[in-house]
Amino acid sequence: RTTRQRKRLAHLHPPAEADDALPRKSPASPP
């Protein structure tokens, strides 16, 4: 559940093009 784990997984598995459909903010904005 941690942000640290999320960052680790994102580094190991970069998001694919299809991830643009996710309901999230742009990378420039803080969580």
Full PDB file with SEQRES, HELIX, SHEET, SSBOND, CRYST1, ORIGX, SCALE, CONECT and MASTER records, all heavy atoms in Angstrom:
SEQRES   1 A   31  ARG THR THR ARG GLN ARG LYS ARG LEU ALA HIS LEU HIS          
SEQRES   2 A   31  PRO PRO ALA GLU ALA ASP ASP ALA LEU PRO ARG LYS SER          
SEQRES   3 A   31  PRO ALA SER PRO PRO                                          
HELIX    1 AA1 THR A    3  LEU A   12  1                                  10    
HELIX    2 AA2 GLU A   17  ALA A   21  5                                   5    
CRYST1    1.000    1.000    1.000  90.00  90.00  90.00 P 1           1          
ORIGX1      1.000000  0.000000  0.000000        0.00000                         
ORIGX2      0.000000  1.000000  0.000000        0.00000                         
ORIGX3      0.000000  0.000000  1.000000        0.00000                         
SCALE1      1.000000  0.000000  0.000000        0.00000                         
SCALE2      0.000000  1.000000  0.000000        0.00000                         
SCALE3      0.000000  0.000000  1.000000        0.00000                         
ATOM      1  N   ARG A   1       0.805  -1.224   0.000  1.00  0.00           N  
ATOM      2  CA  ARG A   1       0.000   0.000   0.000  1.00  0.00           C  
ATOM      3  C   ARG A   1       0.836   1.272   0.000  1.00  0.00           C  
ATOM      4  O   ARG A   1       0.296   2.358  -0.066  1.00  0.00           O  
ATOM      5  CB  ARG A   1      -0.907   0.027   1.234  1.00  0.00           C  
ATOM      6  CG  ARG A   1      -1.924  -1.060   1.266  1.00  0.00           C  
ATOM      7  CD  ARG A   1      -2.795  -0.898   2.479  1.00  0.00           C  
ATOM      8  NE  ARG A   1      -3.933  -0.104   2.105  1.00  0.00           N  
ATOM      9  CZ  ARG A   1      -5.194  -0.491   2.215  1.00  0.00           C  
ATOM     10  NH1 ARG A   1      -5.477  -1.663   2.706  1.00  0.00           N  
ATOM     11  NH2 ARG A   1      -6.165   0.292   1.839  1.00  0.00           N  
ATOM     12  N   THR A   2       2.129   1.157   0.070  1.00  0.00           N  
ATOM     13  CA  THR A   2       2.967   2.338   0.258  1.00  0.00           C  
ATOM     14  C   THR A   2       3.372   2.997  -1.059  1.00  0.00           C  
ATOM     15  O   THR A   2       3.481   2.349  -2.095  1.00  0.00           O  
ATOM     16  CB  THR A   2       4.256   1.966   1.023  1.00  0.00           C  
ATOM     17  OG1 THR A   2       5.023   1.059   0.227  1.00  0.00           O  
ATOM     18  CG2 THR A   2       3.932   1.334   2.364  1.00  0.00           C  
ATOM     19  N   THR A   3       3.624   4.290  -0.981  1.00  0.00           N  
ATOM     20  CA  THR A   3       4.116   5.037  -2.134  1.00  0.00           C  
ATOM     21  C   THR A   3       5.490   4.516  -2.545  1.00  0.00           C  
ATOM     22  O   THR A   3       5.790   4.409  -3.734  1.00  0.00           O  
ATOM     23  CB  THR A   3       4.189   6.539  -1.798  1.00  0.00           C  
ATOM     24  OG1 THR A   3       2.885   6.972  -1.408  1.00  0.00           O  
ATOM     25  CG2 THR A   3       4.657   7.362  -2.979  1.00  0.00           C  
ATOM     26  N   ARG A   4       6.302   4.161  -1.564  1.00  0.00           N  
ATOM     27  CA  ARG A   4       7.639   3.633  -1.862  1.00  0.00           C  
ATOM     28  C   ARG A   4       7.553   2.374  -2.718  1.00  0.00           C  
ATOM     29  O   ARG A   4       8.288   2.215  -3.686  1.00  0.00           O  
ATOM     30  CB  ARG A   4       8.363   3.347  -0.549  1.00  0.00           C  
ATOM     31  CG  ARG A   4       9.750   2.819  -0.739  1.00  0.00           C  
ATOM     32  CD  ARG A   4      10.404   2.592   0.624  1.00  0.00           C  
ATOM     33  NE  ARG A   4      11.745   2.103   0.424  1.00  0.00           N  
ATOM     34  CZ  ARG A   4      12.524   1.752   1.411  1.00  0.00           C  
ATOM     35  NH1 ARG A   4      12.122   1.865   2.654  1.00  0.00           N  
ATOM     36  NH2 ARG A   4      13.732   1.300   1.172  1.00  0.00           N  
ATOM     37  N   GLN A   5       6.664   1.465  -2.369  1.00  0.00           N  
ATOM     38  CA  GLN A   5       6.491   0.237  -3.147  1.00  0.00           C  
ATOM     39  C   GLN A   5       5.972   0.568  -4.550  1.00  0.00           C  
ATOM     40  O   GLN A   5       6.404  -0.018  -5.532  1.00  0.00           O  
ATOM     41  CB  GLN A   5       5.526  -0.718  -2.436  1.00  0.00           C  
ATOM     42  CG  GLN A   5       5.269  -2.000  -3.175  1.00  0.00           C  
ATOM     43  CD  GLN A   5       6.476  -2.930  -3.203  1.00  0.00           C  
ATOM     44  OE1 GLN A   5       7.522  -2.647  -2.638  1.00  0.00           O  
ATOM     45  NE2 GLN A   5       6.340  -4.039  -3.884  1.00  0.00           N  
ATOM     46  N   ARG A   6       5.047   1.522  -4.643  1.00  0.00           N  
ATOM     47  CA  ARG A   6       4.509   1.929  -5.941  1.00  0.00           C  
ATOM     48  C   ARG A   6       5.630   2.449  -6.836  1.00  0.00           C  
ATOM     49  O   ARG A   6       5.720   2.107  -8.003  1.00  0.00           O  
ATOM     50  CB  ARG A   6       3.437   3.003  -5.734  1.00  0.00           C  
ATOM     51  CG  ARG A   6       2.914   3.658  -6.977  1.00  0.00           C  
ATOM     52  CD  ARG A   6       2.225   2.671  -7.928  1.00  0.00           C  
ATOM     53  NE  ARG A   6       1.107   2.022  -7.321  1.00  0.00           N  
ATOM     54  CZ  ARG A   6      -0.151   2.463  -7.347  1.00  0.00           C  
ATOM     55  NH1 ARG A   6      -0.431   3.553  -7.992  1.00  0.00           N  
ATOM     56  NH2 ARG A   6      -1.091   1.802  -6.761  1.00  0.00           N  
ATOM     57  N   LYS A   7       6.514   3.277  -6.279  1.00  0.00           N  
ATOM     58  CA  LYS A   7       7.633   3.819  -7.055  1.00  0.00           C  
ATOM     59  C   LYS A   7       8.580   2.705  -7.493  1.00  0.00           C  
ATOM     60  O   LYS A   7       9.088   2.710  -8.608  1.00  0.00           O  
ATOM     61  CB  LYS A   7       8.389   4.877  -6.245  1.00  0.00           C  
ATOM     62  CG  LYS A   7       7.622   6.168  -6.107  1.00  0.00           C  
ATOM     63  CD  LYS A   7       8.384   7.169  -5.261  1.00  0.00           C  
ATOM     64  CE  LYS A   7       7.585   8.434  -5.082  1.00  0.00           C  
ATOM     65  NZ  LYS A   7       8.257   9.375  -4.175  1.00  0.00           N  
ATOM     66  N   ARG A   8       8.816   1.750  -6.603  1.00  0.00           N  
ATOM     67  CA  ARG A   8       9.696   0.630  -6.948  1.00  0.00           C  
ATOM     68  C   ARG A   8       9.118  -0.174  -8.096  1.00  0.00           C  
ATOM     69  O   ARG A   8       9.807  -0.511  -9.051  1.00  0.00           O  
ATOM     70  CB  ARG A   8       9.906  -0.269  -5.731  1.00  0.00           C  
ATOM     71  CG  ARG A   8      10.938  -1.373  -5.959  1.00  0.00           C  
ATOM     72  CD  ARG A   8      11.033  -2.290  -4.765  1.00  0.00           C  
ATOM     73  NE  ARG A   8       9.955  -3.239  -4.716  1.00  0.00           N  
ATOM     74  CZ  ARG A   8       9.877  -4.332  -5.490  1.00  0.00           C  
ATOM     75  NH1 ARG A   8      10.785  -4.592  -6.370  1.00  0.00           N  
ATOM     76  NH2 ARG A   8       8.864  -5.154  -5.372  1.00  0.00           N  
ATOM     77  N   LEU A   9       7.837  -0.455  -8.035  1.00  0.00           N  
ATOM     78  CA  LEU A   9       7.189  -1.224  -9.096  1.00  0.00           C  
ATOM     79  C   LEU A   9       7.131  -0.438 -10.401  1.00  0.00           C  
ATOM     80  O   LEU A   9       7.292  -0.995 -11.479  1.00  0.00           O  
ATOM     81  CB  LEU A   9       5.787  -1.654  -8.668  1.00  0.00           C  
ATOM     82  CG  LEU A   9       5.737  -2.698  -7.562  1.00  0.00           C  
ATOM     83  CD1 LEU A   9       4.306  -2.925  -7.120  1.00  0.00           C  
ATOM     84  CD2 LEU A   9       6.373  -4.003  -8.016  1.00  0.00           C  
ATOM     85  N   ALA A  10       6.901   0.862 -10.309  1.00  0.00           N  
ATOM     86  CA  ALA A  10       6.861   1.689 -11.521  1.00  0.00           C  
ATOM     87  C   ALA A  10       8.220   1.701 -12.200  1.00  0.00           C  
ATOM     88  O   ALA A  10       8.318   1.715 -13.428  1.00  0.00           O  
ATOM     89  CB  ALA A  10       6.420   3.102 -11.178  1.00  0.00           C  
ATOM     90  N   HIS A  11       9.270   1.681 -11.406  1.00  0.00           N  
ATOM     91  CA  HIS A  11      10.621   1.661 -11.969  1.00  0.00           C  
ATOM     92  C   HIS A  11      10.885   0.327 -12.676  1.00  0.00           C  
ATOM     93  O   HIS A  11      11.499   0.280 -13.736  1.00  0.00           O  
ATOM     94  CB  HIS A  11      11.651   1.893 -10.858  1.00  0.00           C  
ATOM     95  CG  HIS A  11      13.068   1.745 -11.310  1.00  0.00           C  
ATOM     96  ND1 HIS A  11      13.676   2.670 -12.126  1.00  0.00           N  
ATOM     97  CD2 HIS A  11      13.988   0.773 -11.081  1.00  0.00           C  
ATOM     98  CE1 HIS A  11      14.913   2.271 -12.372  1.00  0.00           C  
ATOM     99  NE2 HIS A  11      15.122   1.135 -11.742  1.00  0.00           N  
ATOM    100  N   LEU A  12      10.433  -0.770 -12.080  1.00  0.00           N  
ATOM    101  CA  LEU A  12      10.641  -2.096 -12.669  1.00  0.00           C  
ATOM    102  C   LEU A  12       9.765  -2.336 -13.889  1.00  0.00           C  
ATOM    103  O   LEU A  12      10.159  -3.040 -14.805  1.00  0.00           O  
ATOM    104  CB  LEU A  12      10.360  -3.189 -11.623  1.00  0.00           C  
ATOM    105  CG  LEU A  12      11.324  -3.243 -10.443  1.00  0.00           C  
ATOM    106  CD1 LEU A  12      10.844  -4.281  -9.440  1.00  0.00           C  
ATOM    107  CD2 LEU A  12      12.734  -3.577 -10.923  1.00  0.00           C  
ATOM    108  N   HIS A  13       8.550  -1.782 -13.860  1.00  0.00           N  
ATOM    109  CA  HIS A  13       7.585  -1.993 -14.942  1.00  0.00           C  
ATOM    110  C   HIS A  13       7.033  -0.651 -15.395  1.00  0.00           C  
ATOM    111  O   HIS A  13       5.959  -0.247 -14.947  1.00  0.00           O  
ATOM    112  CB  HIS A  13       6.435  -2.888 -14.462  1.00  0.00           C  
ATOM    113  CG  HIS A  13       6.909  -4.193 -13.896  1.00  0.00           C  
ATOM    114  ND1 HIS A  13       7.360  -5.211 -14.677  1.00  0.00           N  
ATOM    115  CD2 HIS A  13       7.021  -4.620 -12.613  1.00  0.00           C  
ATOM    116  CE1 HIS A  13       7.726  -6.228 -13.910  1.00  0.00           C  
ATOM    117  NE2 HIS A  13       7.533  -5.895 -12.659  1.00  0.00           N  
ATOM    118  N   PRO A  14       7.726   0.054 -16.284  1.00  0.00           N  
ATOM    119  CA  PRO A  14       7.216   1.352 -16.744  1.00  0.00           C  
ATOM    120  C   PRO A  14       5.837   1.209 -17.368  1.00  0.00           C  
ATOM    121  O   PRO A  14       5.548   0.186 -17.992  1.00  0.00           O  
ATOM    122  CB  PRO A  14       8.245   1.801 -17.789  1.00  0.00           C  
ATOM    123  CG  PRO A  14       9.416   0.900 -17.625  1.00  0.00           C  
ATOM    124  CD  PRO A  14       8.965  -0.333 -16.918  1.00  0.00           C  
ATOM    125  N   PRO A  15       4.969   2.195 -17.179  1.00  0.00           N  
ATOM    126  CA  PRO A  15       3.609   2.102 -17.706  1.00  0.00           C  
ATOM    127  C   PRO A  15       3.598   2.038 -19.238  1.00  0.00           C  
ATOM    128  O   PRO A  15       4.417   2.663 -19.899  1.00  0.00           O  
ATOM    129  CB  PRO A  15       2.922   3.368 -17.210  1.00  0.00           C  
ATOM    130  CG  PRO A  15       4.016   4.282 -16.810  1.00  0.00           C  
ATOM    131  CD  PRO A  15       5.221   3.441 -16.496  1.00  0.00           C  
ATOM    132  N   ALA A  16       2.658   1.274 -19.757  1.00  0.00           N  
ATOM    133  CA  ALA A  16       2.490   1.152 -21.206  1.00  0.00           C  
ATOM    134  C   ALA A  16       1.662   2.324 -21.716  1.00  0.00           C  
ATOM    135  O   ALA A  16       1.089   3.088 -20.949  1.00  0.00           O  
ATOM    136  CB  ALA A  16       1.804  -0.171 -21.530  1.00  0.00           C  
ATOM    137  N   GLU A  17       1.554   2.451 -23.013  1.00  0.00           N  
ATOM    138  CA  GLU A  17       0.760   3.518 -23.630  1.00  0.00           C  
ATOM    139  C   GLU A  17      -0.686   3.485 -23.145  1.00  0.00           C  
ATOM    140  O   GLU A  17      -1.319   4.507 -23.000  1.00  0.00           O  
ATOM    141  CB  GLU A  17       0.787   3.394 -25.152  1.00  0.00           C  
ATOM    142  CG  GLU A  17       2.173   3.556 -25.755  1.00  0.00           C  
ATOM    143  CD  GLU A  17       2.702   4.958 -25.596  1.00  0.00           C  
ATOM    144  OE1 GLU A  17       1.899   5.908 -25.630  1.00  0.00           O  
ATOM    145  OE2 GLU A  17       3.928   5.104 -25.432  1.00  0.00           O  
ATOM    146  N   ALA A  18      -1.215   2.294 -22.877  1.00  0.00           N  
ATOM    147  CA  ALA A  18      -2.622   2.152 -22.473  1.00  0.00           C  
ATOM    148  C   ALA A  18      -2.891   2.798 -21.122  1.00  0.00           C  
ATOM    149  O   ALA A  18      -4.024   3.099 -20.797  1.00  0.00           O  
ATOM    150  CB  ALA A  18      -3.007   0.673 -22.427  1.00  0.00           C  
ATOM    151  N   ASP A  19      -1.852   3.033 -20.310  1.00  0.00           N  
ATOM    152  CA  ASP A  19      -2.050   3.627 -18.992  1.00  0.00           C  
ATOM    153  C   ASP A  19      -2.549   5.062 -19.066  1.00  0.00           C  
ATOM    154  O   ASP A  19      -2.968   5.628 -18.072  1.00  0.00           O  
ATOM    155  CB  ASP A  19      -0.764   3.583 -18.172  1.00  0.00           C  
ATOM    156  CG  ASP A  19      -0.524   2.212 -17.580  1.00  0.00           C  
ATOM    157  OD1 ASP A  19      -1.371   1.320 -17.736  1.00  0.00           O  
ATOM    158  OD2 ASP A  19       0.524   2.049 -16.950  1.00  0.00           O  
ATOM    159  N   ASP A  20      -2.510   5.673 -20.245  1.00  0.00           N  
ATOM    160  CA  ASP A  20      -3.030   7.029 -20.385  1.00  0.00           C  
ATOM    161  C   ASP A  20      -4.516   7.098 -20.075  1.00  0.00           C  
ATOM    162  O   ASP A  20      -5.046   8.158 -19.768  1.00  0.00           O  
ATOM    163  CB  ASP A  20      -2.784   7.559 -21.806  1.00  0.00           C  
ATOM    164  CG  ASP A  20      -1.298   7.761 -22.057  1.00  0.00           C  
ATOM    165  OD1 ASP A  20      -0.536   7.867 -21.072  1.00  0.00           O  
ATOM    166  OD2 ASP A  20      -0.902   7.805 -23.235  1.00  0.00           O  
ATOM    167  N   ALA A  21      -5.225   5.968 -20.132  1.00  0.00           N  
ATOM    168  CA  ALA A  21      -6.663   5.943 -19.868  1.00  0.00           C  
ATOM    169  C   ALA A  21      -6.979   5.966 -18.379  1.00  0.00           C  
ATOM    170  O   ALA A  21      -8.126   6.128 -18.000  1.00  0.00           O  
ATOM    171  CB  ALA A  21      -7.273   4.682 -20.490  1.00  0.00           C  
ATOM    172  N   LEU A  22      -5.964   5.825 -17.523  1.00  0.00           N  
ATOM    173  CA  LEU A  22      -6.212   5.786 -16.090  1.00  0.00           C  
ATOM    174  C   LEU A  22      -6.661   7.135 -15.552  1.00  0.00           C  
ATOM    175  O   LEU A  22      -6.186   8.169 -15.996  1.00  0.00           O  
ATOM    176  CB  LEU A  22      -4.944   5.382 -15.337  1.00  0.00           C  
ATOM    177  CG  LEU A  22      -4.545   3.931 -15.457  1.00  0.00           C  
ATOM    178  CD1 LEU A  22      -3.235   3.715 -14.710  1.00  0.00           C  
ATOM    179  CD2 LEU A  22      -5.604   3.032 -14.902  1.00  0.00           C  
ATOM    180  N   PRO A  23      -7.579   7.133 -14.569  1.00  0.00           N  
ATOM    181  CA  PRO A  23      -8.017   8.387 -13.956  1.00  0.00           C  
ATOM    182  C   PRO A  23      -6.990   8.884 -12.957  1.00  0.00           C  
ATOM    183  O   PRO A  23      -7.083   8.628 -11.779  1.00  0.00           O  
ATOM    184  CB  PRO A  23      -9.334   7.997 -13.274  1.00  0.00           C  
ATOM    185  CG  PRO A  23      -9.187   6.551 -12.981  1.00  0.00           C  
ATOM    186  CD  PRO A  23      -8.315   5.990 -14.079  1.00  0.00           C  
ATOM    187  N   ARG A  24      -5.929   9.551 -13.425  1.00  0.00           N  
ATOM    188  CA  ARG A  24      -4.920  10.090 -12.520  1.00  0.00           C  
ATOM    189  C   ARG A  24      -4.433  11.425 -13.025  1.00  0.00           C  
ATOM    190  O   ARG A  24      -4.712  11.809 -14.138  1.00  0.00           O  
ATOM    191  CB  ARG A  24      -3.768   9.124 -12.345  1.00  0.00           C  
ATOM    192  CG  ARG A  24      -2.917   8.947 -13.591  1.00  0.00           C  
ATOM    193  CD  ARG A  24      -1.696   8.174 -13.216  1.00  0.00           C  
ATOM    194  NE  ARG A  24      -1.854   6.816 -13.643  1.00  0.00           N  
ATOM    195  CZ  ARG A  24      -0.903   6.130 -14.237  1.00  0.00           C  
ATOM    196  NH1 ARG A  24       0.260   6.656 -14.445  1.00  0.00           N  
ATOM    197  NH2 ARG A  24      -1.102   4.903 -14.595  1.00  0.00           N  
ATOM    198  N   LYS A  25      -3.694  12.101 -12.171  1.00  0.00           N  
ATOM    199  CA  LYS A  25      -3.197  13.428 -12.518  1.00  0.00           C  
ATOM    200  C   LYS A  25      -1.972  13.312 -13.416  1.00  0.00           C  
ATOM    201  O   LYS A  25      -1.349  12.268 -13.509  1.00  0.00           O  
ATOM    202  CB  LYS A  25      -2.837  14.183 -11.256  1.00  0.00           C  
ATOM    203  CG  LYS A  25      -4.029  14.508 -10.417  1.00  0.00           C  
ATOM    204  CD  LYS A  25      -3.607  15.324  -9.238  1.00  0.00           C  
ATOM    205  CE  LYS A  25      -4.837  15.747  -8.462  1.00  0.00           C  
ATOM    206  NZ  LYS A  25      -4.501  16.637  -7.397  1.00  0.00           N  
ATOM    207  N   SER A  26      -1.603  14.417 -14.011  1.00  0.00           N  
ATOM    208  CA  SER A  26      -0.403  14.441 -14.839  1.00  0.00           C  
ATOM    209  C   SER A  26       0.819  14.290 -13.949  1.00  0.00           C  
ATOM    210  O   SER A  26       0.788  14.624 -12.770  1.00  0.00           O  
ATOM    211  CB  SER A  26      -0.328  15.750 -15.612  1.00  0.00           C  
ATOM    212  OG  SER A  26      -0.119  16.817 -14.714  1.00  0.00           O  
ATOM    213  N   PRO A  27       1.937  13.783 -14.501  1.00  0.00           N  
ATOM    214  CA  PRO A  27       3.128  13.563 -13.679  1.00  0.00           C  
ATOM    215  C   PRO A  27       3.673  14.854 -13.063  1.00  0.00           C  
ATOM    216  O   PRO A  27       4.344  14.803 -12.067  1.00  0.00           O  
ATOM    217  CB  PRO A  27       4.146  12.983 -14.674  1.00  0.00           C  
ATOM    218  CG  PRO A  27       3.338  12.497 -15.822  1.00  0.00           C  
ATOM    219  CD  PRO A  27       2.084  13.309 -15.852  1.00  0.00           C  
ATOM    220  N   ALA A  28       3.375  16.000 -13.647  1.00  0.00           N  
ATOM    221  CA  ALA A  28       3.896  17.261 -13.120  1.00  0.00           C  
ATOM    222  C   ALA A  28       3.202  17.694 -11.840  1.00  0.00           C  
ATOM    223  O   ALA A  28       3.755  18.444 -11.060  1.00  0.00           O  
ATOM    224  CB  ALA A  28       3.751  18.357 -14.169  1.00  0.00           C  
ATOM    225  N   SER A  29       1.978  17.233 -11.601  1.00  0.00           N  
ATOM    226  CA  SER A  29       1.256  17.657 -10.403  1.00  0.00           C  
ATOM    227  C   SER A  29       1.527  16.693  -9.246  1.00  0.00           C  
ATOM    228  O   SER A  29       1.668  15.506  -9.448  1.00  0.00           O  
ATOM    229  CB  SER A  29      -0.247  17.738 -10.694  1.00  0.00           C  
ATOM    230  OG  SER A  29      -0.738  16.470 -11.031  1.00  0.00           O  
ATOM    231  N   PRO A  30       1.599  17.209  -8.017  1.00  0.00           N  
ATOM    232  CA  PRO A  30       1.845  16.346  -6.870  1.00  0.00           C  
ATOM    233  C   PRO A  30       0.641  15.472  -6.577  1.00  0.00           C  
ATOM    234  O   PRO A  30      -0.486  15.815  -6.944  1.00  0.00           O  
ATOM    235  CB  PRO A  30       2.100  17.340  -5.726  1.00  0.00           C  
ATOM    236  CG  PRO A  30       1.373  18.569  -6.147  1.00  0.00           C  
ATOM    237  CD  PRO A  30       1.431  18.598  -7.644  1.00  0.00           C  
ATOM    238  N   PRO A  31       0.854  14.315  -5.917  1.00  0.00           N  
ATOM    239  CA  PRO A  31      -0.282  13.457  -5.574  1.00  0.00           C  
ATOM    240  C   PRO A  31      -1.210  14.153  -4.582  1.00  0.00           C  
ATOM    241  O   PRO A  31      -0.758  14.964  -3.785  1.00  0.00           O  
ATOM    242  CB  PRO A  31       0.367  12.224  -4.951  1.00  0.00           C  
ATOM    243  CG  PRO A  31       1.721  12.676  -4.524  1.00  0.00           C  
ATOM    244  CD  PRO A  31       2.114  13.806  -5.442  1.00  0.00           C  
TER     245      PRO A  31                                                      
MASTER        0    0    0    2    0    0    0    6  244    1    0    3          
END                                                                             
